[in-house]
Amino acid sequence: MMKAITKTRAAASSIGEVSRRSGVNIETIRYYERLGLLPKPQRAANGRRVFENEHLRRLTFIRRARAMGFSQDEVRALLVLADGGAQSCGEVR
């Protein structure tokens, strides 16, 4: 019998869990935080990072983009577009 995913579990994960689910190494996650590709997660009362679903989606996006050969700068530009920048369609093209 499968356990239902609670809102708390679905919304907040440890760095290890996010690493496992995204396929991105823990040290790489920290590196992406330092580069600003991944927003710094909030910290729990015990000081541990608390990653949300958005972090997982973003890490998965970055991993896939890097696997397709996009550079870090290109990934950063794609993330700006994905975050809903104010560019027109013509500017994006």
PDB file of N, CA and C in Angstrom:
ATOM      1  N   MET A   1       0.843  -1.179   0.000  1.00  0.00           N
ATOM      2  CA  MET A   1       0.000   0.000   0.000  1.00  0.00           C
ATOM      3  C   MET A   1       0.887   1.241   0.000  1.00  0.00           C
ATOM      4  N   MET A   2       0.623   2.163  -0.899  1.00  0.00           N
ATOM      5  CA  MET A   2       1.420   3.392  -0.993  1.00  0.00           C
ATOM      6  C   MET A   2       0.896   4.429  -0.017  1.00  0.00           C
ATOM      7  N   LYS A   3       1.821   5.153   0.575  1.00  0.00           N
ATOM      8  CA  LYS A   3       1.444   6.242   1.471  1.00  0.00           C
ATOM      9  C   LYS A   3       1.108   7.464   0.638  1.00  0.00           C
ATOM     10  N   ALA A   4       0.118   8.204   1.076  1.00  0.00           N
ATOM     11  CA  ALA A   4      -0.217   9.453   0.407  1.00  0.00           C
ATOM     12  C   ALA A   4       0.848  10.487   0.720  1.00  0.00           C
ATOM     13  N   ILE A   5       1.187  11.285  -0.266  1.00  0.00           N
ATOM     14  CA  ILE A   5       2.160  12.351  -0.046  1.00  0.00           C
ATOM     15  C   ILE A   5       1.442  13.514   0.610  1.00  0.00           C
ATOM     16  N   THR A   6       1.910  13.868   1.766  1.00  0.00           N
ATOM     17  CA  THR A   6       1.297  14.989   2.464  1.00  0.00           C
ATOM     18  C   THR A   6       1.783  16.289   1.855  1.00  0.00           C
ATOM     19  N   LYS A   7       1.060  17.348   2.079  1.00  0.00           N
ATOM     20  CA  LYS A   7       1.454  18.649   1.561  1.00  0.00           C
ATOM     21  C   LYS A   7       2.834  19.037   2.078  1.00  0.00           C
ATOM     22  N   THR A   8       3.114  18.759   3.343  1.00  0.00           N
ATOM     23  CA  THR A   8       4.400  19.111   3.922  1.00  0.00           C
ATOM     24  C   THR A   8       5.524  18.365   3.221  1.00  0.00           C
ATOM     25  N   ARG A   9       5.340  17.064   3.013  1.00  0.00           N
ATOM     26  CA  ARG A   9       6.392  16.284   2.367  1.00  0.00           C
ATOM     27  C   ARG A   9       6.565  16.715   0.916  1.00  0.00           C
ATOM     28  N   ALA A  10       5.471  16.995   0.227  1.00  0.00           N
ATOM     29  CA  ALA A  10       5.554  17.382  -1.175  1.00  0.00           C
ATOM     30  C   ALA A  10       6.175  18.761  -1.319  1.00  0.00           C
ATOM     31  N   ALA A  11       5.978  19.617  -0.340  1.00  0.00           N
ATOM     32  CA  ALA A  11       6.413  21.001  -0.469  1.00  0.00           C
ATOM     33  C   ALA A  11       7.810  21.255   0.087  1.00  0.00           C
ATOM     34  N   ALA A  12       8.305  20.412   0.970  1.00  0.00           N
ATOM     35  CA  ALA A  12       9.595  20.671   1.599  1.00  0.00           C
ATOM     36  C   ALA A  12      10.421  19.395   1.630  1.00  0.00           C
ATOM     37  N   SER A  13      11.647  19.501   1.131  1.00  0.00           N
ATOM     38  CA  SER A  13      12.537  18.346   1.076  1.00  0.00           C
ATOM     39  C   SER A  13      13.935  18.746   1.509  1.00  0.00           C
ATOM     40  N   SER A  14      14.693  17.751   1.939  1.00  0.00           N
ATOM     41  CA  SER A  14      16.093  17.975   2.287  1.00  0.00           C
ATOM     42  C   SER A  14      16.916  18.024   1.001  1.00  0.00           C
ATOM     43  N   ILE A  15      18.155  18.470   1.118  1.00  0.00           N
ATOM     44  CA  ILE A  15      19.032  18.533  -0.043  1.00  0.00           C
ATOM     45  C   ILE A  15      19.276  17.129  -0.607  1.00  0.00           C
ATOM     46  N   GLY A  16      19.363  16.132   0.266  1.00  0.00           N
ATOM     47  CA  GLY A  16      19.556  14.762  -0.191  1.00  0.00           C
ATOM     48  C   GLY A  16      18.379  14.253  -1.004  1.00  0.00           C
ATOM     49  N   GLU A  17      17.181  14.554  -0.543  1.00  0.00           N
ATOM     50  CA  GLU A  17      15.969  14.137  -1.254  1.00  0.00           C
ATOM     51  C   GLU A  17      15.859  14.840  -2.603  1.00  0.00           C
ATOM     52  N   VAL A  18      16.136  16.131  -2.623  1.00  0.00           N
ATOM     53  CA  VAL A  18      16.077  16.882  -3.880  1.00  0.00           C
ATOM     54  C   VAL A  18      17.147  16.373  -4.844  1.00  0.00           C
ATOM     55  N   SER A  19      18.307  16.038  -4.319  1.00  0.00           N
ATOM     56  CA  SER A  19      19.371  15.487  -5.142  1.00  0.00           C
ATOM     57  C   SER A  19      18.930  14.174  -5.777  1.00  0.00           C
ATOM     58  N   ARG A  20      18.370  13.299  -4.975  1.00  0.00           N
ATOM     59  CA  ARG A  20      17.910  12.001  -5.467  1.00  0.00           C
ATOM     60  C   ARG A  20      16.817  12.154  -6.518  1.00  0.00           C
ATOM     61  N   ARG A  21      15.850  13.017  -6.241  1.00  0.00           N
ATOM     62  CA  ARG A  21      14.705  13.179  -7.140  1.00  0.00           C
ATOM     63  C   ARG A  21      15.064  13.903  -8.431  1.00  0.00           C
ATOM     64  N   SER A  22      16.020  14.821  -8.379  1.00  0.00           N
ATOM     65  CA  SER A  22      16.381  15.597  -9.573  1.00  0.00           C
ATOM     66  C   SER A  22      17.496  14.956 -10.384  1.00  0.00           C
ATOM     67  N   GLY A  23      18.280  14.086  -9.739  1.00  0.00           N
ATOM     68  CA  GLY A  23      19.433  13.505 -10.413  1.00  0.00           C
ATOM     69  C   GLY A  23      20.638  14.426 -10.427  1.00  0.00           C
ATOM     70  N   VAL A  24      20.615  15.459  -9.576  1.00  0.00           N
ATOM     71  CA  VAL A  24      21.706  16.430  -9.495  1.00  0.00           C
ATOM     72  C   VAL A  24      22.473  16.185  -8.190  1.00  0.00           C
ATOM     73  N   ASN A  25      23.776  16.056  -8.275  1.00  0.00           N
ATOM     74  CA  ASN A  25      24.643  15.818  -7.125  1.00  0.00           C
ATOM     75  C   ASN A  25      24.491  16.932  -6.084  1.00  0.00           C
ATOM     76  N   ILE A  26      24.606  16.584  -4.817  1.00  0.00           N
ATOM     77  CA  ILE A  26      24.465  17.557  -3.727  1.00  0.00           C
ATOM     78  C   ILE A  26      25.444  18.722  -3.886  1.00  0.00           C
ATOM     79  N   GLU A  27      26.701  18.431  -4.180  1.00  0.00           N
ATOM     80  CA  GLU A  27      27.686  19.506  -4.354  1.00  0.00           C
ATOM     81  C   GLU A  27      27.330  20.395  -5.535  1.00  0.00           C
ATOM     82  N   THR A  28      26.741  19.816  -6.576  1.00  0.00           N
ATOM     83  CA  THR A  28      26.325  20.604  -7.736  1.00  0.00           C
ATOM     84  C   THR A  28      25.169  21.527  -7.368  1.00  0.00           C
ATOM     85  N   ILE A  29      24.273  21.059  -6.521  1.00  0.00           N
ATOM     86  CA  ILE A  29      23.168  21.898  -6.048  1.00  0.00           C
ATOM     87  C   ILE A  29      23.729  23.104  -5.309  1.00  0.00           C
ATOM     88  N   ARG A  30      24.680  22.869  -4.436  1.00  0.00           N
ATOM     89  CA  ARG A  30      25.307  23.982  -3.699  1.00  0.00           C
ATOM     90  C   ARG A  30      26.009  24.942  -4.661  1.00  0.00           C
ATOM     91  N   TYR A  31      26.661  24.372  -5.675  1.00  0.00           N
ATOM     92  CA  TYR A  31      27.343  25.186  -6.695  1.00  0.00           C
ATOM     93  C   TYR A  31      26.332  26.056  -7.443  1.00  0.00           C
ATOM     94  N   TYR A  32      25.205  25.485  -7.842  1.00  0.00           N
ATOM     95  CA  TYR A  32      24.172  26.257  -8.541  1.00  0.00           C
ATOM     96  C   TYR A  32      23.621  27.373  -7.651  1.00  0.00           C
ATOM     97  N   GLU A  33      23.535  27.118  -6.359  1.00  0.00           N
ATOM     98  CA  GLU A  33      23.116  28.172  -5.421  1.00  0.00           C
ATOM     99  C   GLU A  33      24.127  29.320  -5.440  1.00  0.00           C
ATOM    100  N   ARG A  34      25.419  28.992  -5.361  1.00  0.00           N
ATOM    101  CA  ARG A  34      26.461  30.027  -5.369  1.00  0.00           C
ATOM    102  C   ARG A  34      26.445  30.821  -6.669  1.00  0.00           C
ATOM    103  N   LEU A  35      26.168  30.170  -7.796  1.00  0.00           N
ATOM    104  CA  LEU A  35      26.117  30.861  -9.087  1.00  0.00           C
ATOM    105  C   LEU A  35      24.858  31.710  -9.257  1.00  0.00           C
ATOM    106  N   GLY A  36      23.853  31.443  -8.430  1.00  0.00           N
ATOM    107  CA  GLY A  36      22.591  32.157  -8.553  1.00  0.00           C
ATOM    108  C   GLY A  36      21.628  31.498  -9.531  1.00  0.00           C
ATOM    109  N   LEU A  37      21.961  30.300 -10.036  1.00  0.00           N
ATOM    110  CA  LEU A  37      21.040  29.591 -10.917  1.00  0.00           C
ATOM    111  C   LEU A  37      19.865  29.019 -10.131  1.00  0.00           C
ATOM    112  N   LEU A  38      20.099  28.736  -8.872  1.00  0.00           N
ATOM    113  CA  LEU A  38      19.078  28.184  -7.990  1.00  0.00           C
ATOM    114  C   LEU A  38      18.906  29.121  -6.809  1.00  0.00           C
ATOM    115  N   PRO A  39      17.679  29.585  -6.554  1.00  0.00           N
ATOM    116  CA  PRO A  39      17.481  30.468  -5.399  1.00  0.00           C
ATOM    117  C   PRO A  39      17.846  29.747  -4.105  1.00  0.00           C
ATOM    118  N   LYS A  40      18.416  30.488  -3.200  1.00  0.00           N
ATOM    119  CA  LYS A  40      18.771  29.894  -1.907  1.00  0.00           C
ATOM    120  C   LYS A  40      17.482  29.510  -1.183  1.00  0.00           C
ATOM    121  N   PRO A  41      17.421  28.264  -0.708  1.00  0.00           N
ATOM    122  CA  PRO A  41      16.219  27.841   0.011  1.00  0.00           C
ATOM    123  C   PRO A  41      16.183  28.424   1.417  1.00  0.00           C
ATOM    124  N   GLN A  42      15.004  28.450   1.969  1.00  0.00           N
ATOM    125  CA  GLN A  42      14.882  28.882   3.359  1.00  0.00           C
ATOM    126  C   GLN A  42      15.502  27.818   4.246  1.00  0.00           C
ATOM    127  N   ARG A  43      15.739  28.178   5.483  1.00  0.00           N
ATOM    128  CA  ARG A  43      16.338  27.235   6.435  1.00  0.00           C
ATOM    129  C   ARG A  43      15.324  26.925   7.527  1.00  0.00           C
ATOM    130  N   ALA A  44      15.348  25.683   7.935  1.00  0.00           N
ATOM    131  CA  ALA A  44      14.495  25.250   9.050  1.00  0.00           C
ATOM    132  C   ALA A  44      15.106  25.751  10.350  1.00  0.00           C
ATOM    133  N   ALA A  45      14.399  25.570  11.435  1.00  0.00           N
ATOM    134  CA  ALA A  45      14.882  26.009  12.751  1.00  0.00           C
ATOM    135  C   ALA A  45      16.217  25.353  13.105  1.00  0.00           C
ATOM    136  N   ASN A  46      16.448  24.142  12.590  1.00  0.00           N
ATOM    137  CA  ASN A  46      17.698  23.439  12.881  1.00  0.00           C
ATOM    138  C   ASN A  46      18.838  23.856  11.950  1.00  0.00           C
ATOM    139  N   GLY A  47      18.576  24.809  11.045  1.00  0.00           N
ATOM    140  CA  GLY A  47      19.600  25.327  10.148  1.00  0.00           C
ATOM    141  C   GLY A  47      19.708  24.607   8.814  1.00  0.00           C
ATOM    142  N   ARG A  48      18.964  23.531   8.624  1.00  0.00           N
ATOM    143  CA  ARG A  48      19.026  22.789   7.372  1.00  0.00           C
ATOM    144  C   ARG A  48      18.218  23.480   6.284  1.00  0.00           C
ATOM    145  N   ARG A  49      18.693  23.332   5.052  1.00  0.00           N
ATOM    146  CA  ARG A  49      17.970  23.888   3.912  1.00  0.00           C
ATOM    147  C   ARG A  49      16.632  23.162   3.749  1.00  0.00           C
ATOM    148  N   VAL A  50      15.622  23.919   3.354  1.00  0.00           N
ATOM    149  CA  VAL A  50      14.305  23.350   3.091  1.00  0.00           C
ATOM    150  C   VAL A  50      13.972  23.683   1.637  1.00  0.00           C
ATOM    151  N   PHE A  51      14.032  22.673   0.778  1.00  0.00           N
ATOM    152  CA  PHE A  51      13.789  22.860  -0.649  1.00  0.00           C
ATOM    153  C   PHE A  51      12.320  22.636  -0.965  1.00  0.00           C
ATOM    154  N   GLU A  52      11.793  23.504  -1.808  1.00  0.00           N
ATOM    155  CA  GLU A  52      10.396  23.425  -2.228  1.00  0.00           C
ATOM    156  C   GLU A  52      10.314  22.750  -3.600  1.00  0.00           C
ATOM    157  N   ASN A  53       9.106  22.468  -4.042  1.00  0.00           N
ATOM    158  CA  ASN A  53       8.908  21.850  -5.355  1.00  0.00           C
ATOM    159  C   ASN A  53       9.503  22.690  -6.480  1.00  0.00           C
ATOM    160  N   GLU A  54       9.465  24.002  -6.344  1.00  0.00           N
ATOM    161  CA  GLU A  54      10.034  24.874  -7.376  1.00  0.00           C
ATOM    162  C   GLU A  54      11.539  24.642  -7.525  1.00  0.00           C
ATOM    163  N   HIS A  55      12.225  24.396  -6.424  1.00  0.00           N
ATOM    164  CA  HIS A  55      13.653  24.084  -6.498  1.00  0.00           C
ATOM    165  C   HIS A  55      13.869  22.800  -7.303  1.00  0.00           C
ATOM    166  N   LEU A  56      13.040  21.797  -7.044  1.00  0.00           N
ATOM    167  CA  LEU A  56      13.150  20.529  -7.755  1.00  0.00           C
ATOM    168  C   LEU A  56      12.912  20.720  -9.250  1.00  0.00           C
ATOM    169  N   ARG A  57      11.880  21.462  -9.598  1.00  0.00           N
ATOM    170  CA  ARG A  57      11.585  21.725 -11.024  1.00  0.00           C
ATOM    171  C   ARG A  57      12.749  22.459 -11.679  1.00  0.00           C
ATOM    172  N   ARG A  58      13.287  23.436 -10.997  1.00  0.00           N
ATOM    173  CA  ARG A  58      14.383  24.224 -11.563  1.00  0.00           C
ATOM    174  C   ARG A  58      15.649  23.381 -11.730  1.00  0.00           C
ATOM    175  N   LEU A  59      15.968  22.558 -10.743  1.00  0.00           N
ATOM    176  CA  LEU A  59      17.132  21.682 -10.851  1.00  0.00           C
ATOM    177  C   LEU A  59      16.980  20.698 -12.004  1.00  0.00           C
ATOM    178  N   THR A  60      15.795  20.151 -12.156  1.00  0.00           N
ATOM    179  CA  THR A  60      15.545  19.221 -13.254  1.00  0.00           C
ATOM    180  C   THR A  60      15.716  19.930 -14.591  1.00  0.00           C
ATOM    181  N   PHE A  61      15.221  21.151 -14.691  1.00  0.00           N
ATOM    182  CA  PHE A  61      15.367  21.947 -15.908  1.00  0.00           C
ATOM    183  C   PHE A  61      16.846  22.191 -16.209  1.00  0.00           C
ATOM    184  N   ILE A  62      17.591  22.602 -15.190  1.00  0.00           N
ATOM    185  CA  ILE A  62      19.020  22.885 -15.375  1.00  0.00           C
ATOM    186  C   ILE A  62      19.758  21.621 -15.811  1.00  0.00           C
ATOM    187  N   ARG A  63      19.475  20.498 -15.144  1.00  0.00           N
ATOM    188  CA  ARG A  63      20.138  19.237 -15.491  1.00  0.00           C
ATOM    189  C   ARG A  63      19.871  18.859 -16.943  1.00  0.00           C
ATOM    190  N   ARG A  64      18.630  18.975 -17.368  1.00  0.00           N
ATOM    191  CA  ARG A  64      18.280  18.629 -18.750  1.00  0.00           C
ATOM    192  C   ARG A  64      18.929  19.577 -19.749  1.00  0.00           C
ATOM    193  N   ALA A  65      18.924  20.862 -19.433  1.00  0.00           N
ATOM    194  CA  ALA A  65      19.548  21.843 -20.336  1.00  0.00           C
ATOM    195  C   ALA A  65      21.040  21.593 -20.467  1.00  0.00           C
ATOM    196  N   ARG A  66      21.699  21.303 -19.350  1.00  0.00           N
ATOM    197  CA  ARG A  66      23.138  21.019 -19.382  1.00  0.00           C
ATOM    198  C   ARG A  66      23.414  19.732 -20.166  1.00  0.00           C
ATOM    199  N   ALA A  67      22.536  18.737 -20.015  1.00  0.00           N
ATOM    200  CA  ALA A  67      22.696  17.477 -20.746  1.00  0.00           C
ATOM    201  C   ALA A  67      22.547  17.686 -22.255  1.00  0.00           C
ATOM    202  N   MET A  68      21.779  18.697 -22.644  1.00  0.00           N
ATOM    203  CA  MET A  68      21.610  19.013 -24.067  1.00  0.00           C
ATOM    204  C   MET A  68      22.753  19.871 -24.603  1.00  0.00           C
ATOM    205  N   GLY A  69      23.686  20.253 -23.729  1.00  0.00           N
ATOM    206  CA  GLY A  69      24.857  20.985 -24.179  1.00  0.00           C
ATOM    207  C   GLY A  69      24.810  22.488 -23.973  1.00  0.00           C
ATOM    208  N   PHE A  70      23.798  22.991 -23.293  1.00  0.00           N
ATOM    209  CA  PHE A  70      23.731  24.423 -23.027  1.00  0.00           C
ATOM    210  C   PHE A  70      24.784  24.804 -21.992  1.00  0.00           C
ATOM    211  N   SER A  71      25.432  25.933 -22.192  1.00  0.00           N
ATOM    212  CA  SER A  71      26.415  26.431 -21.237  1.00  0.00           C
ATOM    213  C   SER A  71      25.686  27.002 -20.017  1.00  0.00           C
ATOM    214  N   GLN A  72      26.439  27.310 -18.961  1.00  0.00           N
ATOM    215  CA  GLN A  72      25.834  27.914 -17.776  1.00  0.00           C
ATOM    216  C   GLN A  72      25.195  29.253 -18.107  1.00  0.00           C
ATOM    217  N   ASP A  73      25.850  30.046 -18.936  1.00  0.00           N
ATOM    218  CA  ASP A  73      25.285  31.341 -19.318  1.00  0.00           C
ATOM    219  C   ASP A  73      24.004  31.167 -20.126  1.00  0.00           C
ATOM    220  N   GLU A  74      23.992  30.175 -21.012  1.00  0.00           N
ATOM    221  CA  GLU A  74      22.786  29.909 -21.800  1.00  0.00           C
ATOM    222  C   GLU A  74      21.656  29.413 -20.907  1.00  0.00           C
ATOM    223  N   VAL A  75      21.989  28.573 -19.935  1.00  0.00           N
ATOM    224  CA  VAL A  75      20.980  28.096 -18.985  1.00  0.00           C
ATOM    225  C   VAL A  75      20.422  29.275 -18.198  1.00  0.00           C
ATOM    226  N   ARG A  76      21.297  30.175 -17.776  1.00  0.00           N
ATOM    227  CA  ARG A  76      20.852  31.370 -17.039  1.00  0.00           C
ATOM    228  C   ARG A  76      19.865  32.184 -17.894  1.00  0.00           C
ATOM    229  N   ALA A  77      20.179  32.356 -19.183  1.00  0.00           N
ATOM    230  CA  ALA A  77      19.292  33.100 -20.088  1.00  0.00           C
ATOM    231  C   ALA A  77      17.952  32.373 -20.248  1.00  0.00           C
ATOM    232  N   LEU A  78      17.986  31.052 -20.355  1.00  0.00           N
ATOM    233  CA  LEU A  78      16.743  30.282 -20.464  1.00  0.00           C
ATOM    234  C   LEU A  78      15.909  30.409 -19.195  1.00  0.00           C
ATOM    235  N   LEU A  79      16.563  30.430 -18.050  1.00  0.00           N
ATOM    236  CA  LEU A  79      15.840  30.571 -16.788  1.00  0.00           C
ATOM    237  C   LEU A  79      15.168  31.938 -16.680  1.00  0.00           C
ATOM    238  N   VAL A  80      15.830  32.969 -17.196  1.00  0.00           N
ATOM    239  CA  VAL A  80      15.215  34.306 -17.208  1.00  0.00           C
ATOM    240  C   VAL A  80      13.933  34.266 -18.026  1.00  0.00           C
ATOM    241  N   LEU A  81      13.989  33.596 -19.173  1.00  0.00           N
ATOM    242  CA  LEU A  81      12.795  33.466 -20.013  1.00  0.00           C
ATOM    243  C   LEU A  81      11.719  32.642 -19.300  1.00  0.00           C
ATOM    244  N   ALA A  82      12.134  31.540 -18.681  1.00  0.00           N
ATOM    245  CA  ALA A  82      11.187  30.672 -17.982  1.00  0.00           C
ATOM    246  C   ALA A  82      10.556  31.369 -16.779  1.00  0.00           C
ATOM    247  N   ASP A  83      11.294  32.284 -16.167  1.00  0.00           N
ATOM    248  CA  ASP A  83      10.775  33.011 -15.005  1.00  0.00           C
ATOM    249  C   ASP A  83       9.806  34.116 -15.398  1.00  0.00           C
ATOM    250  N   GLY A  84       9.566  34.263 -16.700  1.00  0.00           N
ATOM    251  CA  GLY A  84       8.580  35.245 -17.145  1.00  0.00           C
ATOM    252  C   GLY A  84       9.133  36.636 -17.278  1.00  0.00           C
ATOM    253  N   GLY A  85      10.296  36.740 -17.877  1.00  0.00           N
ATOM    254  CA  GLY A  85      10.870  38.054 -18.126  1.00  0.00           C
ATOM    255  C   GLY A  85       9.918  38.910 -18.950  1.00  0.00           C
ATOM    256  N   ALA A  86      10.205  40.158 -19.054  1.00  0.00           N
ATOM    257  CA  ALA A  86       9.313  41.106 -19.731  1.00  0.00           C
ATOM    258  C   ALA A  86       9.628  41.249 -21.221  1.00  0.00           C
ATOM    259  N   GLN A  87      10.345  40.280 -21.800  1.00  0.00           N
ATOM    260  CA  GLN A  87      10.690  40.375 -23.194  1.00  0.00           C
ATOM    261  C   GLN A  87       9.492  40.040 -24.079  1.00  0.00           C
ATOM    262  N   SER A  88       9.471  40.683 -25.245  1.00  0.00           N
ATOM    263  CA  SER A  88       8.451  40.357 -26.231  1.00  0.00           C
ATOM    264  C   SER A  88       8.865  39.092 -26.967  1.00  0.00           C
ATOM    265  N   CYS A  89       7.971  38.509 -27.717  1.00  0.00           N
ATOM    266  CA  CYS A  89       8.298  37.305 -28.483  1.00  0.00           C
ATOM    267  C   CYS A  89       9.443  37.559 -29.449  1.00  0.00           C
ATOM    268  N   GLY A  90       9.461  38.737 -30.075  1.00  0.00           N
ATOM    269  CA  GLY A  90      10.523  39.086 -30.998  1.00  0.00           C
ATOM    270  C   GLY A  90      11.874  39.147 -30.309  1.00  0.00           C
ATOM    271  N   GLU A  91      11.906  39.709 -29.110  1.00  0.00           N
ATOM    272  CA  GLU A  91      13.156  39.791 -28.356  1.00  0.00           C
ATOM    273  C   GLU A  91      13.645  38.401 -27.951  1.00  0.00           C
ATOM    274  N   VAL A  92      12.723  37.522 -27.610  1.00  0.00           N
ATOM    275  CA  VAL A  92      13.087  36.169 -27.221  1.00  0.00           C
ATOM    276  C   VAL A  92      13.712  35.437 -28.402  1.00  0.00           C
ATOM    277  N   ARG A  93      13.102  35.573 -29.566  1.00  0.00           N
ATOM    278  CA  ARG A  93      13.661  34.923 -30.764  1.00  0.00           C
ATOM    279  C   ARG A  93      15.036  35.446 -31.063  1.00  0.00           C
TER     280      ARG A  93
END
